[in-house]
Amino acid sequence: MYNFLKYYELPVTIVATKADKVSNNLHLKQRKLILDTLDLVLGDEFVTFSSITKAGRDEILEKIARTI
């Protein structure tokens, strides 16, 4: 999906869910792994989200509001 969106030069925001399931130490390692694997380009965003703690919720809502 990421490559499809980049092909059409669309802005991309990666939302990593289940942030509450991962410890802080592992969280940083997994974030680095995801960012290195996807090789995001300038302008792409990466947000971690937890539906339980609501972490990342405001950032995602702001991004949606800016986009539409």
PDB file of N, CA and C in Angstrom:
ATOM      1  N   MET A   1       0.819  -1.180   0.000  1.00  0.00           N
ATOM      2  CA  MET A   1       0.000   0.000   0.000  1.00  0.00           C
ATOM      3  C   MET A   1       0.870   1.253   0.000  1.00  0.00           C
ATOM      4  N   TYR A   2       1.927   1.232   0.796  1.00  0.00           N
ATOM      5  CA  TYR A   2       2.821   2.386   0.870  1.00  0.00           C
ATOM      6  C   TYR A   2       3.390   2.715  -0.508  1.00  0.00           C
ATOM      7  N   ASN A   3       3.866   1.703  -1.197  1.00  0.00           N
ATOM      8  CA  ASN A   3       4.443   1.932  -2.525  1.00  0.00           C
ATOM      9  C   ASN A   3       3.403   2.452  -3.509  1.00  0.00           C
ATOM     10  N   PHE A   4       2.168   1.990  -3.397  1.00  0.00           N
ATOM     11  CA  PHE A   4       1.088   2.467  -4.251  1.00  0.00           C
ATOM     12  C   PHE A   4       0.865   3.956  -4.032  1.00  0.00           C
ATOM     13  N   LEU A   5       0.771   4.369  -2.784  1.00  0.00           N
ATOM     14  CA  LEU A   5       0.551   5.784  -2.473  1.00  0.00           C
ATOM     15  C   LEU A   5       1.729   6.649  -2.928  1.00  0.00           C
ATOM     16  N   LYS A   6       2.939   6.150  -2.753  1.00  0.00           N
ATOM     17  CA  LYS A   6       4.120   6.908  -3.181  1.00  0.00           C
ATOM     18  C   LYS A   6       4.177   7.004  -4.704  1.00  0.00           C
ATOM     19  N   TYR A   7       3.758   5.959  -5.398  1.00  0.00           N
ATOM     20  CA  TYR A   7       3.748   5.977  -6.854  1.00  0.00           C
ATOM     21  C   TYR A   7       2.895   7.132  -7.368  1.00  0.00           C
ATOM     22  N   TYR A   8       1.768   7.372  -6.711  1.00  0.00           N
ATOM     23  CA  TYR A   8       0.866   8.452  -7.114  1.00  0.00           C
ATOM     24  C   TYR A   8       1.158   9.761  -6.382  1.00  0.00           C
ATOM     25  N   GLU A   9       2.318   9.808  -5.722  1.00  0.00           N
ATOM     26  CA  GLU A   9       2.811  11.000  -5.043  1.00  0.00           C
ATOM     27  C   GLU A   9       1.813  11.567  -4.038  1.00  0.00           C
ATOM     28  N   LEU A  10       1.189  10.673  -3.282  1.00  0.00           N
ATOM     29  CA  LEU A  10       0.242  11.065  -2.254  1.00  0.00           C
ATOM     30  C   LEU A  10       0.950  11.122  -0.903  1.00  0.00           C
ATOM     31  N   PRO A  11       0.547  12.036  -0.022  1.00  0.00           N
ATOM     32  CA  PRO A  11       1.164  12.085   1.300  1.00  0.00           C
ATOM     33  C   PRO A  11       0.797  10.841   2.109  1.00  0.00           C
ATOM     34  N   VAL A  12       1.722  10.392   2.929  1.00  0.00           N
ATOM     35  CA  VAL A  12       1.528   9.148   3.663  1.00  0.00           C
ATOM     36  C   VAL A  12       1.742   9.386   5.156  1.00  0.00           C
ATOM     37  N   THR A  13       0.838   8.844   5.952  1.00  0.00           N
ATOM     38  CA  THR A  13       1.022   8.792   7.390  1.00  0.00           C
ATOM     39  C   THR A  13       0.853   7.342   7.813  1.00  0.00           C
ATOM     40  N   ILE A  14       1.898   6.785   8.369  1.00  0.00           N
ATOM     41  CA  ILE A  14       1.868   5.418   8.871  1.00  0.00           C
ATOM     42  C   ILE A  14       1.369   5.479  10.314  1.00  0.00           C
ATOM     43  N   VAL A  15       0.325   4.713  10.629  1.00  0.00           N
ATOM     44  CA  VAL A  15      -0.203   4.658  11.992  1.00  0.00           C
ATOM     45  C   VAL A  15       0.057   3.255  12.533  1.00  0.00           C
ATOM     46  N   ALA A  16       0.917   3.188  13.528  1.00  0.00           N
ATOM     47  CA  ALA A  16       1.232   1.913  14.171  1.00  0.00           C
ATOM     48  C   ALA A  16       0.336   1.767  15.385  1.00  0.00           C
ATOM     49  N   THR A  17      -0.552   0.802  15.339  1.00  0.00           N
ATOM     50  CA  THR A  17      -1.512   0.605  16.424  1.00  0.00           C
ATOM     51  C   THR A  17      -0.946  -0.325  17.494  1.00  0.00           C
ATOM     52  N   LYS A  18      -1.701  -0.486  18.549  1.00  0.00           N
ATOM     53  CA  LYS A  18      -1.354  -1.373  19.667  1.00  0.00           C
ATOM     54  C   LYS A  18      -0.114  -0.892  20.423  1.00  0.00           C
ATOM     55  N   ALA A  19       0.107   0.410  20.477  1.00  0.00           N
ATOM     56  CA  ALA A  19       1.280   0.957  21.158  1.00  0.00           C
ATOM     57  C   ALA A  19       1.301   0.588  22.633  1.00  0.00           C
ATOM     58  N   ASP A  20       0.137   0.390  23.222  1.00  0.00           N
ATOM     59  CA  ASP A  20       0.068   0.049  24.641  1.00  0.00           C
ATOM     60  C   ASP A  20       0.518  -1.378  24.923  1.00  0.00           C
ATOM     61  N   LYS A  21       0.615  -2.210  23.918  1.00  0.00           N
ATOM     62  CA  LYS A  21       0.996  -3.615  24.089  1.00  0.00           C
ATOM     63  C   LYS A  21       2.507  -3.816  24.150  1.00  0.00           C
ATOM     64  N   VAL A  22       3.267  -2.752  23.851  1.00  0.00           N
ATOM     65  CA  VAL A  22       4.719  -2.872  23.745  1.00  0.00           C
ATOM     66  C   VAL A  22       5.379  -2.014  24.827  1.00  0.00           C
ATOM     67  N   SER A  23       6.384  -2.567  25.496  1.00  0.00           N
ATOM     68  CA  SER A  23       7.101  -1.801  26.517  1.00  0.00           C
ATOM     69  C   SER A  23       7.859  -0.644  25.866  1.00  0.00           C
ATOM     70  N   ASN A  24       8.236   0.346  26.667  1.00  0.00           N
ATOM     71  CA  ASN A  24       8.933   1.519  26.131  1.00  0.00           C
ATOM     72  C   ASN A  24      10.241   1.157  25.442  1.00  0.00           C
ATOM     73  N   ASN A  25      11.011   0.251  26.022  1.00  0.00           N
ATOM     74  CA  ASN A  25      12.280  -0.158  25.404  1.00  0.00           C
ATOM     75  C   ASN A  25      12.044  -0.835  24.061  1.00  0.00           C
ATOM     76  N   LEU A  26      11.101  -1.744  24.018  1.00  0.00           N
ATOM     77  CA  LEU A  26      10.795  -2.447  22.780  1.00  0.00           C
ATOM     78  C   LEU A  26      10.142  -1.507  21.775  1.00  0.00           C
ATOM     79  N   HIS A  27       9.382  -0.544  22.280  1.00  0.00           N
ATOM     80  CA  HIS A  27       8.709   0.439  21.424  1.00  0.00           C
ATOM     81  C   HIS A  27       9.736   1.173  20.546  1.00  0.00           C
ATOM     82  N   LEU A  28      10.819   1.628  21.142  1.00  0.00           N
ATOM     83  CA  LEU A  28      11.841   2.353  20.383  1.00  0.00           C
ATOM     84  C   LEU A  28      12.507   1.455  19.342  1.00  0.00           C
ATOM     85  N   LYS A  29      12.772   0.203  19.713  1.00  0.00           N
ATOM     86  CA  LYS A  29      13.382  -0.735  18.771  1.00  0.00           C
ATOM     87  C   LYS A  29      12.447  -1.015  17.593  1.00  0.00           C
ATOM     88  N   GLN A  30      11.168  -1.253  17.891  1.00  0.00           N
ATOM     89  CA  GLN A  30      10.204  -1.551  16.835  1.00  0.00           C
ATOM     90  C   GLN A  30       9.983  -0.345  15.925  1.00  0.00           C
ATOM     91  N   ARG A  31       9.939   0.847  16.501  1.00  0.00           N
ATOM     92  CA  ARG A  31       9.784   2.070  15.705  1.00  0.00           C
ATOM     93  C   ARG A  31      10.944   2.201  14.715  1.00  0.00           C
ATOM     94  N   LYS A  32      12.168   1.998  15.207  1.00  0.00           N
ATOM     95  CA  LYS A  32      13.350   2.090  14.338  1.00  0.00           C
ATOM     96  C   LYS A  32      13.286   1.040  13.233  1.00  0.00           C
ATOM     97  N   LEU A  33      12.894  -0.175  13.585  1.00  0.00           N
ATOM     98  CA  LEU A  33      12.784  -1.252  12.599  1.00  0.00           C
ATOM     99  C   LEU A  33      11.765  -0.898  11.515  1.00  0.00           C
ATOM    100  N   ILE A  34      10.614  -0.389  11.914  1.00  0.00           N
ATOM    101  CA  ILE A  34       9.574  -0.023  10.952  1.00  0.00           C
ATOM    102  C   ILE A  34      10.062   1.105  10.045  1.00  0.00           C
ATOM    103  N   LEU A  35      10.657   2.139  10.640  1.00  0.00           N
ATOM    104  CA  LEU A  35      11.129   3.277   9.841  1.00  0.00           C
ATOM    105  C   LEU A  35      12.241   2.870   8.881  1.00  0.00           C
ATOM    106  N   ASP A  36      13.144   2.004   9.340  1.00  0.00           N
ATOM    107  CA  ASP A  36      14.226   1.535   8.462  1.00  0.00           C
ATOM    108  C   ASP A  36      13.689   0.658   7.340  1.00  0.00           C
ATOM    109  N   THR A  37      12.704  -0.173   7.640  1.00  0.00           N
ATOM    110  CA  THR A  37      12.137  -1.082   6.643  1.00  0.00           C
ATOM    111  C   THR A  37      11.374  -0.322   5.562  1.00  0.00           C
ATOM    112  N   LEU A  38      10.564   0.641   5.972  1.00  0.00           N
ATOM    113  CA  LEU A  38       9.759   1.392   5.004  1.00  0.00           C
ATOM    114  C   LEU A  38      10.567   2.440   4.261  1.00  0.00           C
ATOM    115  N   ASP A  39      11.656   2.904   4.864  1.00  0.00           N
ATOM    116  CA  ASP A  39      12.492   3.928   4.236  1.00  0.00           C
ATOM    117  C   ASP A  39      11.625   5.127   3.827  1.00  0.00           C
ATOM    118  N   LEU A  40      10.971   5.731   4.810  1.00  0.00           N
ATOM    119  CA  LEU A  40      10.076   6.853   4.561  1.00  0.00           C
ATOM    120  C   LEU A  40      10.835   8.021   3.928  1.00  0.00           C
ATOM    121  N   VAL A  41      10.146   8.770   3.104  1.00  0.00           N
ATOM    122  CA  VAL A  41      10.744   9.928   2.444  1.00  0.00           C
ATOM    123  C   VAL A  41      10.296  11.200   3.159  1.00  0.00           C
ATOM    124  N   LEU A  42      10.951  12.287   2.848  1.00  0.00           N
ATOM    125  CA  LEU A  42      10.630  13.577   3.444  1.00  0.00           C
ATOM    126  C   LEU A  42       9.159  13.898   3.227  1.00  0.00           C
ATOM    127  N   GLY A  43       8.473  14.266   4.291  1.00  0.00           N
ATOM    128  CA  GLY A  43       7.053  14.578   4.200  1.00  0.00           C
ATOM    129  C   GLY A  43       6.154  13.467   4.701  1.00  0.00           C
ATOM    130  N   ASP A  44       6.646  12.240   4.741  1.00  0.00           N
ATOM    131  CA  ASP A  44       5.871  11.135   5.294  1.00  0.00           C
ATOM    132  C   ASP A  44       5.910  11.228   6.813  1.00  0.00           C
ATOM    133  N   GLU A  45       4.858  10.744   7.452  1.00  0.00           N
ATOM    134  CA  GLU A  45       4.782  10.804   8.903  1.00  0.00           C
ATOM    135  C   GLU A  45       4.570   9.417   9.478  1.00  0.00           C
ATOM    136  N   PHE A  46       4.999   9.252  10.716  1.00  0.00           N
ATOM    137  CA  PHE A  46       4.836   7.996  11.444  1.00  0.00           C
ATOM    138  C   PHE A  46       4.270   8.323  12.820  1.00  0.00           C
ATOM    139  N   VAL A  47       3.151   7.706  13.176  1.00  0.00           N
ATOM    140  CA  VAL A  47       2.481   7.966  14.449  1.00  0.00           C
ATOM    141  C   VAL A  47       2.170   6.637  15.117  1.00  0.00           C
ATOM    142  N   THR A  48       2.461   6.551  16.415  1.00  0.00           N
ATOM    143  CA  THR A  48       2.043   5.381  17.173  1.00  0.00           C
ATOM    144  C   THR A  48       0.720   5.712  17.857  1.00  0.00           C
ATOM    145  N   PHE A  49      -0.144   4.718  17.961  1.00  0.00           N
ATOM    146  CA  PHE A  49      -1.491   4.936  18.478  1.00  0.00           C
ATOM    147  C   PHE A  49      -1.906   3.811  19.401  1.00  0.00           C
ATOM    148  N   SER A  50      -2.644   4.193  20.446  1.00  0.00           N
ATOM    149  CA  SER A  50      -3.233   3.219  21.356  1.00  0.00           C
ATOM    150  C   SER A  50      -4.686   3.600  21.588  1.00  0.00           C
ATOM    151  N   SER A  51      -5.590   2.706  21.302  1.00  0.00           N
ATOM    152  CA  SER A  51      -7.000   2.988  21.544  1.00  0.00           C
ATOM    153  C   SER A  51      -7.322   2.932  23.041  1.00  0.00           C
ATOM    154  N   ILE A  52      -6.488   2.263  23.812  1.00  0.00           N
ATOM    155  CA  ILE A  52      -6.724   2.156  25.254  1.00  0.00           C
ATOM    156  C   ILE A  52      -6.272   3.426  25.972  1.00  0.00           C
ATOM    157  N   THR A  53      -5.039   3.858  25.713  1.00  0.00           N
ATOM    158  CA  THR A  53      -4.510   5.042  26.404  1.00  0.00           C
ATOM    159  C   THR A  53      -4.765   6.324  25.622  1.00  0.00           C
ATOM    160  N   LYS A  54      -5.227   6.196  24.390  1.00  0.00           N
ATOM    161  CA  LYS A  54      -5.483   7.338  23.493  1.00  0.00           C
ATOM    162  C   LYS A  54      -4.203   8.062  23.077  1.00  0.00           C
ATOM    163  N   ALA A  55      -3.059   7.440  23.271  1.00  0.00           N
ATOM    164  CA  ALA A  55      -1.792   8.021  22.843  1.00  0.00           C
ATOM    165  C   ALA A  55      -1.773   8.129  21.318  1.00  0.00           C
ATOM    166  N   GLY A  56      -1.435   9.295  20.809  1.00  0.00           N
ATOM    167  CA  GLY A  56      -1.363   9.518  19.375  1.00  0.00           C
ATOM    168  C   GLY A  56      -2.675   9.955  18.749  1.00  0.00           C
ATOM    169  N   ARG A  57      -3.752   9.927  19.514  1.00  0.00           N
ATOM    170  CA  ARG A  57      -5.081  10.248  18.979  1.00  0.00           C
ATOM    171  C   ARG A  57      -5.166  11.675  18.444  1.00  0.00           C
ATOM    172  N   ASP A  58      -4.725  12.640  19.249  1.00  0.00           N
ATOM    173  CA  ASP A  58      -4.810  14.041  18.837  1.00  0.00           C
ATOM    174  C   ASP A  58      -3.970  14.315  17.589  1.00  0.00           C
ATOM    175  N   GLU A  59      -2.796  13.708  17.532  1.00  0.00           N
ATOM    176  CA  GLU A  59      -1.919  13.885  16.373  1.00  0.00           C
ATOM    177  C   GLU A  59      -2.577  13.355  15.095  1.00  0.00           C
ATOM    178  N   ILE A  60      -3.223  12.208  15.194  1.00  0.00           N
ATOM    179  CA  ILE A  60      -3.897  11.619  14.036  1.00  0.00           C
ATOM    180  C   ILE A  60      -5.095  12.473  13.615  1.00  0.00           C
ATOM    181  N   LEU A  61      -5.871  12.933  14.578  1.00  0.00           N
ATOM    182  CA  LEU A  61      -7.028  13.782  14.253  1.00  0.00           C
ATOM    183  C   LEU A  61      -6.587  15.092  13.603  1.00  0.00           C
ATOM    184  N   GLU A  62      -5.493  15.687  14.071  1.00  0.00           N
ATOM    185  CA  GLU A  62      -4.971  16.909  13.457  1.00  0.00           C
ATOM    186  C   GLU A  62      -4.541  16.644  12.014  1.00  0.00           C
ATOM    187  N   LYS A  63      -3.896  15.518  11.794  1.00  0.00           N
ATOM    188  CA  LYS A  63      -3.442  15.164  10.441  1.00  0.00           C
ATOM    189  C   LYS A  63      -4.627  14.979   9.511  1.00  0.00           C
ATOM    190  N   ILE A  64      -5.665  14.317   9.968  1.00  0.00           N
ATOM    191  CA  ILE A  64      -6.867  14.125   9.161  1.00  0.00           C
ATOM    192  C   ILE A  64      -7.515  15.465   8.848  1.00  0.00           C
ATOM    193  N   ALA A  65      -7.616  16.326   9.848  1.00  0.00           N
ATOM    194  CA  ALA A  65      -8.220  17.646   9.641  1.00  0.00           C
ATOM    195  C   ALA A  65      -7.424  18.475   8.637  1.00  0.00           C
ATOM    196  N   ARG A  66      -6.096  18.431   8.697  1.00  0.00           N
ATOM    197  CA  ARG A  66      -5.246  19.159   7.739  1.00  0.00           C
ATOM    198  C   ARG A  66      -5.408  18.623   6.326  1.00  0.00           C
ATOM    199  N   THR A  67      -5.581  17.314   6.232  1.00  0.00           N
ATOM    200  CA  THR A  67      -5.645  16.678   4.914  1.00  0.00           C
ATOM    201  C   THR A  67      -6.984  16.954   4.215  1.00  0.00           C
ATOM    202  N   ILE A  68      -8.064  16.955   4.968  1.00  0.00           N
ATOM    203  CA  ILE A  68      -9.364  17.193   4.343  1.00  0.00           C
ATOM    204  C   ILE A  68      -9.712  18.651   4.444  1.00  0.00           C
TER     205      ILE A  68
END
